[in-house]
Amino acid sequence: MSIRIAVDAMGGDNSPAMEVAGAVAACSQWGCEVVLVGDTAKIETELSKHVTHGLQLDIHHASEVVGMHDSPSDAVRKKKDSSIRVAFELAKQGEACAVVSAGNSGAIMASGMHIFGRVKGVERPAIGTSLPNLDDQTLVLDMGANVDCKPSQLYQFAIMGSIYVEHVLGKAHPRVGLLSNGTEEKKGNDLTREAHLRLKDAPLNYCGYVEGGDLYNGSVDVVVCDGFVGNVLLKVSEGLAIAVGTMLKREIENHFWAKIGYLLSRPAFNAFKKRINPAEYGGAPLLGIAGTGIVCHGSSDPVAISIAIRQAGEYAKIRIEEKLAALL
């Protein structure tokens, strides 16, 4: 069976324009096969703006849309013909191998769990997000799916993250750290201290406690935390990147010689902008569900959507859920 990706075309902030453009780009650049799920008329209107001849692009109608303010449980139980749920149903039925959505992350996780189920041994699936570091990227999980966690769940997150980084990102023996308020053994809280003791005996390259700065210095490949901390960390990182960019732009605009220096350094600035652009990292994998799902930011542009589609195809081929089940 070919790797066909079901894309929720109605979930994002600017849907279906961004999803359609991203799907066209993924099919054109990497030969992906995509089925766009959502309002057929709206999707066709957007597709008419692109050259699609020869591309493996289909549409599957879904009459309902899950809003950002809909509760995950309502999305699963009451909106049975939503684009999110229908996309997962297509994957469950074998008509697609993976799902990509920029919609309500809680509803995406709930739908994935409801339709795919969890990998045997996984208590709670997690959302993993890649952040740029000095060398490459750091996978952080959980990023918001589980606000309150148990030590056993942080242990499982570490295993899930390690397997993903090794088999999807291609890093042998990924280094795993547990996020805390210091690297000393006495640091942390009850949750992190007990998780730390468990992780010492885990079949992982566990490096112990790490601090916030270690997310970006390249000292570890995977950072584990609960979803409350992870989501705050993500929002702070996004806000800081925007603030730094804005401050730098203002300083350059206010000084003549800075403008000259910028013109000479433009290639470096462009490379840096590309490096920290969230779109370049695609979406966040749903780790622990018995299938493949990728969550994109609601404001994802076509670049982010296209990379997430490629990412979903690579993820689906590896069948990480089977490797995870073998370790839990």
C-alpha atoms as a PDB file:
ATOM      1  CA  MET A   1       0.000   0.000   0.000  1.00  0.00           C
ATOM      2  CA  SER A   2       1.268   3.492  -0.862  1.00  0.00           C
ATOM      3  CA  ILE A   3       1.769   6.090   1.857  1.00  0.00           C
ATOM      4  CA  ARG A   4      -1.393   8.196   1.660  1.00  0.00           C
ATOM      5  CA  ILE A   5      -1.858  11.030   4.137  1.00  0.00           C
ATOM      6  CA  ALA A   6      -5.271  12.247   5.308  1.00  0.00           C
ATOM      7  CA  VAL A   7      -5.138  16.015   5.857  1.00  0.00           C
ATOM      8  CA  ASP A   8      -7.798  17.762   7.919  1.00  0.00           C
ATOM      9  CA  ALA A   9      -8.408  20.682   5.571  1.00  0.00           C
ATOM     10  CA  MET A  10     -10.726  22.609   7.880  1.00  0.00           C
ATOM     11  CA  GLY A  11      -8.909  22.828  11.223  1.00  0.00           C
ATOM     12  CA  GLY A  12      -6.440  25.690  10.866  1.00  0.00           C
ATOM     13  CA  ASP A  13      -6.861  29.404  11.425  1.00  0.00           C
ATOM     14  CA  ASN A  14      -6.855  30.054   7.668  1.00  0.00           C
ATOM     15  CA  SER A  15      -8.347  26.831   6.382  1.00  0.00           C
ATOM     16  CA  PRO A  16      -8.678  25.425   3.859  1.00  0.00           C
ATOM     17  CA  ALA A  17      -6.316  27.759   1.970  1.00  0.00           C
ATOM     18  CA  MET A  18      -3.174  26.857   3.942  1.00  0.00           C
ATOM     19  CA  GLU A  19      -3.910  23.117   4.015  1.00  0.00           C
ATOM     20  CA  VAL A  20      -4.639  22.970   0.294  1.00  0.00           C
ATOM     21  CA  ALA A  21      -1.519  24.943  -0.622  1.00  0.00           C
ATOM     22  CA  GLY A  22       0.578  22.770   1.699  1.00  0.00           C
ATOM     23  CA  ALA A  23      -0.851  19.566   0.247  1.00  0.00           C
ATOM     24  CA  VAL A  24      -0.167  20.749  -3.309  1.00  0.00           C
ATOM     25  CA  ALA A  25       3.420  21.598  -2.325  1.00  0.00           C
ATOM     26  CA  ALA A  26       3.957  18.202  -0.652  1.00  0.00           C
ATOM     27  CA  CYS A  27       2.628  16.350  -3.677  1.00  0.00           C
ATOM     28  CA  SER A  28       4.651  18.463  -6.097  1.00  0.00           C
ATOM     29  CA  GLN A  29       7.963  18.451  -4.230  1.00  0.00           C
ATOM     30  CA  TRP A  30       8.047  14.998  -2.667  1.00  0.00           C
ATOM     31  CA  GLY A  31       5.499  12.949  -4.582  1.00  0.00           C
ATOM     32  CA  CYS A  32       3.232  12.551  -1.563  1.00  0.00           C
ATOM     33  CA  GLU A  33      -0.268  11.156  -1.922  1.00  0.00           C
ATOM     34  CA  VAL A  34      -2.880  13.198  -0.047  1.00  0.00           C
ATOM     35  CA  VAL A  35      -6.610  13.079   0.641  1.00  0.00           C
ATOM     36  CA  LEU A  36      -8.004  16.432   1.783  1.00  0.00           C
ATOM     37  CA  VAL A  37     -10.833  15.986   4.289  1.00  0.00           C
ATOM     38  CA  GLY A  38     -13.499  18.643   4.730  1.00  0.00           C
ATOM     39  CA  ASP A  39     -16.043  20.775   2.861  1.00  0.00           C
ATOM     40  CA  THR A  40     -15.722  19.645  -0.750  1.00  0.00           C
ATOM     41  CA  ALA A  41     -16.908  22.934  -2.285  1.00  0.00           C
ATOM     42  CA  LYS A  42     -14.465  25.046  -0.259  1.00  0.00           C
ATOM     43  CA  ILE A  43     -11.573  22.684  -0.933  1.00  0.00           C
ATOM     44  CA  GLU A  44     -12.295  22.632  -4.679  1.00  0.00           C
ATOM     45  CA  THR A  45     -12.368  26.444  -4.733  1.00  0.00           C
ATOM     46  CA  GLU A  46      -8.890  26.551  -3.212  1.00  0.00           C
ATOM     47  CA  LEU A  47      -7.555  23.780  -5.433  1.00  0.00           C
ATOM     48  CA  SER A  48      -8.664  25.760  -8.521  1.00  0.00           C
ATOM     49  CA  LYS A  49      -6.011  28.355  -7.590  1.00  0.00           C
ATOM     50  CA  HIS A  50      -3.193  25.804  -8.024  1.00  0.00           C
ATOM     51  CA  VAL A  51      -1.769  23.643 -10.777  1.00  0.00           C
ATOM     52  CA  THR A  52      -2.720  20.115  -9.710  1.00  0.00           C
ATOM     53  CA  HIS A  53      -2.451  18.141 -12.948  1.00  0.00           C
ATOM     54  CA  GLY A  54      -0.732  14.816 -12.320  1.00  0.00           C
ATOM     55  CA  LEU A  55      -0.737  15.184  -8.537  1.00  0.00           C
ATOM     56  CA  GLN A  56      -2.116  12.431  -6.310  1.00  0.00           C
ATOM     57  CA  LEU A  57      -4.699  14.605  -4.570  1.00  0.00           C
ATOM     58  CA  ASP A  58      -8.210  13.505  -3.586  1.00  0.00           C
ATOM     59  CA  ILE A  59     -11.043  15.018  -1.559  1.00  0.00           C
ATOM     60  CA  HIS A  60     -13.175  13.270   1.048  1.00  0.00           C
ATOM     61  CA  HIS A  61     -16.196  15.255   2.215  1.00  0.00           C
ATOM     62  CA  ALA A  62     -16.822  15.949   5.902  1.00  0.00           C
ATOM     63  CA  SER A  63     -19.772  18.118   6.881  1.00  0.00           C
ATOM     64  CA  GLU A  64     -18.652  19.324  10.314  1.00  0.00           C
ATOM     65  CA  VAL A  65     -15.761  21.348  11.712  1.00  0.00           C
ATOM     66  CA  VAL A  66     -14.299  21.237  15.218  1.00  0.00           C
ATOM     67  CA  GLY A  67     -13.694  24.746  16.517  1.00  0.00           C
ATOM     68  CA  MET A  68     -10.816  25.791  18.751  1.00  0.00           C
ATOM     69  CA  HIS A  69     -13.244  26.287  21.634  1.00  0.00           C
ATOM     70  CA  ASP A  70     -14.977  22.911  21.294  1.00  0.00           C
ATOM     71  CA  SER A  71     -14.170  20.481  24.087  1.00  0.00           C
ATOM     72  CA  PRO A  72     -12.250  17.353  23.024  1.00  0.00           C
ATOM     73  CA  SER A  73     -14.980  15.062  24.360  1.00  0.00           C
ATOM     74  CA  ASP A  74     -17.700  16.896  22.442  1.00  0.00           C
ATOM     75  CA  ALA A  75     -15.600  16.791  19.311  1.00  0.00           C
ATOM     76  CA  VAL A  76     -15.402  12.999  19.522  1.00  0.00           C
ATOM     77  CA  ARG A  77     -18.947  12.240  20.696  1.00  0.00           C
ATOM     78  CA  LYS A  78     -21.089  14.916  19.052  1.00  0.00           C
ATOM     79  CA  LYS A  79     -19.300  15.830  15.829  1.00  0.00           C
ATOM     80  CA  LYS A  80     -18.962  12.424  14.255  1.00  0.00           C
ATOM     81  CA  ASP A  81     -18.662  13.854  10.730  1.00  0.00           C
ATOM     82  CA  SER A  82     -16.010  16.424  11.608  1.00  0.00           C
ATOM     83  CA  SER A  83     -12.980  16.724   9.359  1.00  0.00           C
ATOM     84  CA  ILE A  84     -10.692  15.677  12.235  1.00  0.00           C
ATOM     85  CA  ARG A  85     -12.619  12.547  13.109  1.00  0.00           C
ATOM     86  CA  VAL A  86     -13.248  11.531   9.483  1.00  0.00           C
ATOM     87  CA  ALA A  87      -9.522  11.861   8.735  1.00  0.00           C
ATOM     88  CA  PHE A  88      -8.720   9.441  11.561  1.00  0.00           C
ATOM     89  CA  GLU A  89     -11.492   7.097  10.427  1.00  0.00           C
ATOM     90  CA  LEU A  90      -9.945   6.969   6.947  1.00  0.00           C
ATOM     91  CA  ALA A  91      -6.609   5.996   8.497  1.00  0.00           C
ATOM     92  CA  LYS A  92      -8.248   3.385  10.710  1.00  0.00           C
ATOM     93  CA  GLN A  93      -9.982   1.865   7.686  1.00  0.00           C
ATOM     94  CA  GLY A  94      -6.716   1.649   5.772  1.00  0.00           C
ATOM     95  CA  GLU A  95      -7.598   4.369   3.255  1.00  0.00           C
ATOM     96  CA  ALA A  96      -4.741   6.485   4.612  1.00  0.00           C
ATOM     97  CA  CYS A  97      -1.628   5.773   6.643  1.00  0.00           C
ATOM     98  CA  ALA A  98      -1.464   8.922   8.747  1.00  0.00           C
ATOM     99  CA  VAL A  99      -3.349  12.066   9.722  1.00  0.00           C
ATOM    100  CA  VAL A 100      -2.203  15.695   9.669  1.00  0.00           C
ATOM    101  CA  SER A 101      -4.261  18.464  11.264  1.00  0.00           C
ATOM    102  CA  ALA A 102      -3.776  22.087  12.311  1.00  0.00           C
ATOM    103  CA  GLY A 103      -6.992  22.008  14.310  1.00  0.00           C
ATOM    104  CA  ASN A 104      -7.920  21.825  17.987  1.00  0.00           C
ATOM    105  CA  SER A 105      -5.010  19.866  19.510  1.00  0.00           C
ATOM    106  CA  GLY A 106      -7.158  18.439  22.301  1.00  0.00           C
ATOM    107  CA  ALA A 107      -9.711  17.196  19.788  1.00  0.00           C
ATOM    108  CA  ILE A 108      -6.962  15.732  17.590  1.00  0.00           C
ATOM    109  CA  MET A 109      -5.510  13.808  20.525  1.00  0.00           C
ATOM    110  CA  ALA A 110      -8.951  12.672  21.706  1.00  0.00           C
ATOM    111  CA  SER A 111      -9.921  11.528  18.209  1.00  0.00           C
ATOM    112  CA  GLY A 112      -6.636   9.703  17.738  1.00  0.00           C
ATOM    113  CA  MET A 113      -7.041   7.896  21.058  1.00  0.00           C
ATOM    114  CA  HIS A 114     -10.708   7.086  20.427  1.00  0.00           C
ATOM    115  CA  ILE A 115     -10.225   5.742  16.923  1.00  0.00           C
ATOM    116  CA  PHE A 116      -6.693   4.294  16.972  1.00  0.00           C
ATOM    117  CA  GLY A 117      -6.497   3.470  20.658  1.00  0.00           C
ATOM    118  CA  ARG A 118      -3.276   3.546  22.663  1.00  0.00           C
ATOM    119  CA  VAL A 119      -0.154   1.481  22.210  1.00  0.00           C
ATOM    120  CA  LYS A 120      -0.208  -1.380  24.703  1.00  0.00           C
ATOM    121  CA  GLY A 121       1.522  -0.248  27.890  1.00  0.00           C
ATOM    122  CA  VAL A 122       1.018   3.490  27.292  1.00  0.00           C
ATOM    123  CA  GLU A 123      -1.038   5.234  29.970  1.00  0.00           C
ATOM    124  CA  ARG A 124      -1.220   8.627  28.256  1.00  0.00           C
ATOM    125  CA  PRO A 125      -0.103   9.583  24.746  1.00  0.00           C
ATOM    126  CA  ALA A 126       1.993  12.746  24.505  1.00  0.00           C
ATOM    127  CA  ILE A 127       2.623  15.560  22.051  1.00  0.00           C
ATOM    128  CA  GLY A 128       6.264  16.020  21.070  1.00  0.00           C
ATOM    129  CA  THR A 129       7.615  19.247  19.578  1.00  0.00           C
ATOM    130  CA  SER A 130      11.034  19.873  18.065  1.00  0.00           C
ATOM    131  CA  LEU A 131      12.859  23.063  19.066  1.00  0.00           C
ATOM    132  CA  PRO A 132      16.079  24.308  17.427  1.00  0.00           C
ATOM    133  CA  ASN A 133      19.315  23.949  19.384  1.00  0.00           C
ATOM    134  CA  LEU A 134      22.934  24.911  18.668  1.00  0.00           C
ATOM    135  CA  ASP A 135      23.608  21.640  16.845  1.00  0.00           C
ATOM    136  CA  ASP A 136      20.281  20.468  15.409  1.00  0.00           C
ATOM    137  CA  GLN A 137      16.994  20.086  17.294  1.00  0.00           C
ATOM    138  CA  THR A 138      15.625  18.936  20.644  1.00  0.00           C
ATOM    139  CA  LEU A 139      12.395  16.965  20.984  1.00  0.00           C
ATOM    140  CA  VAL A 140      10.358  18.099  23.999  1.00  0.00           C
ATOM    141  CA  LEU A 141       7.399  16.156  25.387  1.00  0.00           C
ATOM    142  CA  ASP A 142       4.759  16.478  26.633  1.00  0.00           C
ATOM    143  CA  MET A 143       3.780  19.831  25.154  1.00  0.00           C
ATOM    144  CA  GLY A 144       0.251  20.113  26.485  1.00  0.00           C
ATOM    145  CA  ALA A 145      -1.721  16.897  26.174  1.00  0.00           C
ATOM    146  CA  ASN A 146      -1.273  15.938  29.847  1.00  0.00           C
ATOM    147  CA  VAL A 147      -1.275  18.773  32.371  1.00  0.00           C
ATOM    148  CA  ASP A 148      -1.071  16.492  35.399  1.00  0.00           C
ATOM    149  CA  CYS A 149       1.277  13.522  35.121  1.00  0.00           C
ATOM    150  CA  LYS A 150       2.461  10.551  37.133  1.00  0.00           C
ATOM    151  CA  PRO A 151       6.108   9.413  37.315  1.00  0.00           C
ATOM    152  CA  SER A 152       5.233   6.347  35.247  1.00  0.00           C
ATOM    153  CA  GLN A 153       3.946   8.599  32.478  1.00  0.00           C
ATOM    154  CA  LEU A 154       7.120  10.695  32.382  1.00  0.00           C
ATOM    155  CA  TYR A 155       9.031   7.403  32.155  1.00  0.00           C
ATOM    156  CA  GLN A 156       6.916   6.405  29.159  1.00  0.00           C
ATOM    157  CA  PHE A 157       7.340   9.837  27.550  1.00  0.00           C
ATOM    158  CA  ALA A 158      11.111   9.357  27.737  1.00  0.00           C
ATOM    159  CA  ILE A 159      10.916   6.021  25.951  1.00  0.00           C
ATOM    160  CA  MET A 160       8.534   7.373  23.310  1.00  0.00           C
ATOM    161  CA  GLY A 161      10.730  10.402  22.674  1.00  0.00           C
ATOM    162  CA  SER A 162      13.896   8.332  22.443  1.00  0.00           C
ATOM    163  CA  ILE A 163      12.364   5.931  19.920  1.00  0.00           C
ATOM    164  CA  TYR A 164      11.020   8.802  17.810  1.00  0.00           C
ATOM    165  CA  VAL A 165      14.331  10.666  17.706  1.00  0.00           C
ATOM    166  CA  GLU A 166      16.267   7.511  16.869  1.00  0.00           C
ATOM    167  CA  HIS A 167      14.006   6.159  14.148  1.00  0.00           C
ATOM    168  CA  VAL A 168      12.454   9.310  12.653  1.00  0.00           C
ATOM    169  CA  LEU A 169      15.163  11.932  13.183  1.00  0.00           C
ATOM    170  CA  GLY A 170      17.970   9.406  12.679  1.00  0.00           C
ATOM    171  CA  LYS A 171      20.020   9.973  15.836  1.00  0.00           C
ATOM    172  CA  ALA A 172      21.606   6.869  17.306  1.00  0.00           C
ATOM    173  CA  HIS A 173      21.474   6.523  21.103  1.00  0.00           C
ATOM    174  CA  PRO A 174      19.614   9.809  21.682  1.00  0.00           C
ATOM    175  CA  ARG A 175      20.434  11.563  24.940  1.00  0.00           C
ATOM    176  CA  VAL A 176      17.402  11.954  27.210  1.00  0.00           C
ATOM    177  CA  GLY A 177      17.042  14.521  29.997  1.00  0.00           C
ATOM    178  CA  LEU A 178      14.341  15.187  32.594  1.00  0.00           C
ATOM    179  CA  LEU A 179      13.485  18.887  32.928  1.00  0.00           C
ATOM    180  CA  SER A 180      13.958  20.221  36.451  1.00  0.00           C
ATOM    181  CA  ASN A 181      14.984  23.344  38.366  1.00  0.00           C
ATOM    182  CA  GLY A 182      18.586  22.182  38.699  1.00  0.00           C
ATOM    183  CA  THR A 183      20.842  19.282  37.832  1.00  0.00           C
ATOM    184  CA  GLU A 184      21.582  18.166  41.403  1.00  0.00           C
ATOM    185  CA  GLU A 185      19.945  14.990  42.719  1.00  0.00           C
ATOM    186  CA  LYS A 186      18.114  16.904  45.470  1.00  0.00           C
ATOM    187  CA  LYS A 187      16.438  19.255  42.995  1.00  0.00           C
ATOM    188  CA  GLY A 188      12.983  18.839  41.471  1.00  0.00           C
ATOM    189  CA  ASN A 189       9.643  17.980  43.064  1.00  0.00           C
ATOM    190  CA  ASP A 190       8.002  14.703  44.055  1.00  0.00           C
ATOM    191  CA  LEU A 191       7.023  14.001  40.444  1.00  0.00           C
ATOM    192  CA  THR A 192      10.457  14.573  38.912  1.00  0.00           C
ATOM    193  CA  ARG A 193      12.379  12.877  41.726  1.00  0.00           C
ATOM    194  CA  GLU A 194      10.413   9.641  41.417  1.00  0.00           C
ATOM    195  CA  ALA A 195      10.537   9.759  37.610  1.00  0.00           C
ATOM    196  CA  HIS A 196      14.298  10.341  37.848  1.00  0.00           C
ATOM    197  CA  LEU A 197      14.751   7.181  39.925  1.00  0.00           C
ATOM    198  CA  ARG A 198      12.777   5.152  37.399  1.00  0.00           C
ATOM    199  CA  LEU A 199      14.626   6.568  34.419  1.00  0.00           C
ATOM    200  CA  LYS A 200      17.993   5.622  35.895  1.00  0.00           C
ATOM    201  CA  ASP A 201      17.121   1.983  35.218  1.00  0.00           C
ATOM    202  CA  ALA A 202      15.414   2.569  31.862  1.00  0.00           C
ATOM    203  CA  PRO A 203      16.796   1.075  28.617  1.00  0.00           C
ATOM    204  CA  LEU A 204      17.758   4.580  27.474  1.00  0.00           C
ATOM    205  CA  ASN A 205      20.725   6.893  27.182  1.00  0.00           C
ATOM    206  CA  TYR A 206      19.445   8.822  30.197  1.00  0.00           C
ATOM    207  CA  CYS A 207      21.515  11.864  31.187  1.00  0.00           C
ATOM    208  CA  GLY A 208      19.623  12.864  34.337  1.00  0.00           C
ATOM    209  CA  TYR A 209      18.151  16.253  35.195  1.00  0.00           C
ATOM    210  CA  VAL A 210      18.485  19.121  32.731  1.00  0.00           C
ATOM    211  CA  GLU A 211      17.609  22.803  33.074  1.00  0.00           C
ATOM    212  CA  GLY A 212      15.730  25.122  30.741  1.00  0.00           C
ATOM    213  CA  GLY A 213      18.871  26.281  28.937  1.00  0.00           C
ATOM    214  CA  ASP A 214      19.732  22.719  27.980  1.00  0.00           C
ATOM    215  CA  LEU A 215      16.846  22.684  25.531  1.00  0.00           C
ATOM    216  CA  TYR A 216      18.845  24.976  23.261  1.00  0.00           C
ATOM    217  CA  ASN A 217      22.523  24.164  23.854  1.00  0.00           C
ATOM    218  CA  GLY A 218      22.445  20.748  22.192  1.00  0.00           C
ATOM    219  CA  SER A 219      23.476  18.779  25.287  1.00  0.00           C
ATOM    220  CA  VAL A 220      20.460  16.444  24.989  1.00  0.00           C
ATOM    221  CA  ASP A 221      18.214  15.232  22.172  1.00  0.00           C
ATOM    222  CA  VAL A 222      15.046  14.597  24.187  1.00  0.00           C
ATOM    223  CA  VAL A 223      13.658  16.602  27.108  1.00  0.00           C
ATOM    224  CA  VAL A 224      10.810  15.182  29.204  1.00  0.00           C
ATOM    225  CA  CYS A 225       8.332  17.203  31.286  1.00  0.00           C
ATOM    226  CA  ASP A 226       4.627  17.289  32.121  1.00  0.00           C
ATOM    227  CA  GLY A 227       2.231  18.982  29.718  1.00  0.00           C
ATOM    228  CA  PHE A 228       1.682  22.061  31.881  1.00  0.00           C
ATOM    229  CA  VAL A 229       5.389  22.897  31.976  1.00  0.00           C
ATOM    230  CA  GLY A 230       5.864  21.898  28.347  1.00  0.00           C
ATOM    231  CA  ASN A 231       3.097  24.130  27.042  1.00  0.00           C
ATOM    232  CA  VAL A 232       4.353  27.131  29.028  1.00  0.00           C
ATOM    233  CA  LEU A 233       7.862  26.422  27.719  1.00  0.00           C
ATOM    234  CA  LEU A 234       6.592  26.309  24.127  1.00  0.00           C
ATOM    235  CA  LYS A 235       4.671  29.585  24.410  1.00  0.00           C
ATOM    236  CA  VAL A 236       7.631  31.324  26.065  1.00  0.00           C
ATOM    237  CA  SER A 237       9.947  30.081  23.293  1.00  0.00           C
ATOM    238  CA  GLU A 238       7.592  31.304  20.567  1.00  0.00           C
ATOM    239  CA  GLY A 239       7.122  34.663  22.269  1.00  0.00           C
ATOM    240  CA  LEU A 240      10.854  35.114  22.820  1.00  0.00           C
ATOM    241  CA  ALA A 241      11.649  34.364  19.179  1.00  0.00           C
ATOM    242  CA  ILE A 242       9.135  36.991  18.039  1.00  0.00           C
ATOM    243  CA  ALA A 243      10.367  39.560  20.578  1.00  0.00           C
ATOM    244  CA  VAL A 244      14.039  39.084  19.669  1.00  0.00           C
ATOM    245  CA  GLY A 245      13.253  39.413  15.977  1.00  0.00           C
ATOM    246  CA  THR A 246      11.214  42.573  16.546  1.00  0.00           C
ATOM    247  CA  MET A 247      13.840  44.203  18.776  1.00  0.00           C
ATOM    248  CA  LEU A 248      16.606  43.394  16.323  1.00  0.00           C
ATOM    249  CA  LYS A 249      14.601  44.857  13.436  1.00  0.00           C
ATOM    250  CA  ARG A 250      13.967  48.072  15.355  1.00  0.00           C
ATOM    251  CA  GLU A 251      17.639  48.496  16.221  1.00  0.00           C
ATOM    252  CA  ILE A 252      18.669  47.987  12.607  1.00  0.00           C
ATOM    253  CA  GLU A 253      16.057  50.474  11.343  1.00  0.00           C
ATOM    254  CA  ASN A 254      17.178  53.133  13.845  1.00  0.00           C
ATOM    255  CA  HIS A 255      20.899  53.138  12.947  1.00  0.00           C
ATOM    256  CA  PHE A 256      22.379  53.887   9.547  1.00  0.00           C
ATOM    257  CA  TRP A 257      25.489  51.748   9.982  1.00  0.00           C
ATOM    258  CA  ALA A 258      23.368  48.908  11.313  1.00  0.00           C
ATOM    259  CA  LYS A 259      21.441  48.997   8.020  1.00  0.00           C
ATOM    260  CA  ILE A 260      24.701  48.734   6.099  1.00  0.00           C
ATOM    261  CA  GLY A 261      25.809  45.886   8.322  1.00  0.00           C
ATOM    262  CA  TYR A 262      22.492  44.121   7.776  1.00  0.00           C
ATOM    263  CA  LEU A 263      22.883  44.289   3.998  1.00  0.00           C
ATOM    264  CA  LEU A 264      26.294  42.654   4.297  1.00  0.00           C
ATOM    265  CA  SER A 265      25.036  40.058   6.766  1.00  0.00           C
ATOM    266  CA  ARG A 266      21.718  39.323   5.089  1.00  0.00           C
ATOM    267  CA  PRO A 267      22.579  35.708   4.150  1.00  0.00           C
ATOM    268  CA  ALA A 268      23.390  34.953   7.794  1.00  0.00           C
ATOM    269  CA  PHE A 269      20.209  36.629   9.008  1.00  0.00           C
ATOM    270  CA  ASN A 270      18.122  34.697   6.482  1.00  0.00           C
ATOM    271  CA  ALA A 271      19.728  31.408   7.518  1.00  0.00           C
ATOM    272  CA  PHE A 272      19.083  32.209  11.178  1.00  0.00           C
ATOM    273  CA  LYS A 273      15.454  33.120  10.460  1.00  0.00           C
ATOM    274  CA  LYS A 274      14.978  29.833   8.643  1.00  0.00           C
ATOM    275  CA  ARG A 275      16.630  27.926  11.506  1.00  0.00           C
ATOM    276  CA  ILE A 276      14.252  29.276  14.175  1.00  0.00           C
ATOM    277  CA  ASN A 277      11.135  29.268  11.990  1.00  0.00           C
ATOM    278  CA  PRO A 278       8.645  26.752  13.502  1.00  0.00           C
ATOM    279  CA  ALA A 279       7.348  25.998  10.007  1.00  0.00           C
ATOM    280  CA  GLU A 280      10.641  24.306   9.155  1.00  0.00           C
ATOM    281  CA  TYR A 281       9.956  21.655  11.821  1.00  0.00           C
ATOM    282  CA  GLY A 282       6.533  20.667  10.461  1.00  0.00           C
ATOM    283  CA  GLY A 283       4.181  19.390  13.125  1.00  0.00           C
ATOM    284  CA  ALA A 284       4.211  17.670  16.490  1.00  0.00           C
ATOM    285  CA  PRO A 285       3.782  13.873  16.556  1.00  0.00           C
ATOM    286  CA  LEU A 286       1.138  12.238  18.740  1.00  0.00           C
ATOM    287  CA  LEU A 287       3.313   9.685  20.495  1.00  0.00           C
ATOM    288  CA  GLY A 288       1.637   6.696  22.102  1.00  0.00           C
ATOM    289  CA  ILE A 289      -1.449   6.310  19.929  1.00  0.00           C
ATOM    290  CA  ALA A 290      -1.647   3.114  17.874  1.00  0.00           C
ATOM    291  CA  GLY A 291      -1.241   4.948  14.595  1.00  0.00           C
ATOM    292  CA  THR A 292       0.271   8.092  13.107  1.00  0.00           C
ATOM    293  CA  GLY A 293      -1.024  11.580  13.808  1.00  0.00           C
ATOM    294  CA  ILE A 294       0.728  14.939  13.395  1.00  0.00           C
ATOM    295  CA  VAL A 295      -0.531  18.147  15.041  1.00  0.00           C
ATOM    296  CA  CYS A 296       0.343  21.445  13.359  1.00  0.00           C
ATOM    297  CA  HIS A 297       0.090  24.927  14.835  1.00  0.00           C
ATOM    298  CA  GLY A 298      -3.256  26.570  14.079  1.00  0.00           C
ATOM    299  CA  SER A 299      -1.503  29.367  12.186  1.00  0.00           C
ATOM    300  CA  SER A 300       0.649  27.010  10.109  1.00  0.00           C
ATOM    301  CA  ASP A 301       1.535  28.236   6.648  1.00  0.00           C
ATOM    302  CA  PRO A 302       1.815  26.025   3.541  1.00  0.00           C
ATOM    303  CA  VAL A 303       5.501  25.313   4.263  1.00  0.00           C
ATOM    304  CA  ALA A 304       4.678  23.920   7.707  1.00  0.00           C
ATOM    305  CA  ILE A 305       1.764  21.871   6.357  1.00  0.00           C
ATOM    306  CA  SER A 306       3.827  20.413   3.512  1.00  0.00           C
ATOM    307  CA  ILE A 307       6.686  19.446   5.829  1.00  0.00           C
ATOM    308  CA  ALA A 308       4.203  17.897   8.276  1.00  0.00           C
ATOM    309  CA  ILE A 309       2.753  15.790   5.448  1.00  0.00           C
ATOM    310  CA  ARG A 310       6.204  14.527   4.487  1.00  0.00           C
ATOM    311  CA  GLN A 311       6.968  13.964   8.171  1.00  0.00           C
ATOM    312  CA  ALA A 312       3.763  11.940   8.601  1.00  0.00           C
ATOM    313  CA  GLY A 313       4.685   9.713   5.670  1.00  0.00           C
ATOM    314  CA  GLU A 314       8.158   9.024   7.078  1.00  0.00           C
ATOM    315  CA  TYR A 315       6.693   8.346  10.523  1.00  0.00           C
ATOM    316  CA  ALA A 316       4.072   5.935   9.166  1.00  0.00           C
ATOM    317  CA  LYS A 317       6.664   3.859   7.306  1.00  0.00           C
ATOM    318  CA  ILE A 318       8.663   3.199  10.467  1.00  0.00           C
ATOM    319  CA  ARG A 319       5.684   1.980  12.551  1.00  0.00           C
ATOM    320  CA  ILE A 320       7.008   3.347  15.798  1.00  0.00           C
ATOM    321  CA  GLU A 321       3.994   2.046  17.720  1.00  0.00           C
ATOM    322  CA  GLU A 322       5.318  -1.490  17.259  1.00  0.00           C
ATOM    323  CA  LYS A 323       8.778  -0.553  18.526  1.00  0.00           C
ATOM    324  CA  LEU A 324       7.239   1.256  21.476  1.00  0.00           C
ATOM    325  CA  ALA A 325       5.040  -1.686  22.445  1.00  0.00           C
ATOM    326  CA  ALA A 326       8.125  -3.912  22.522  1.00  0.00           C
ATOM    327  CA  LEU A 327       9.782  -1.701  25.176  1.00  0.00           C
ATOM    328  CA  LEU A 328       6.793  -1.129  27.474  1.00  0.00           C
END
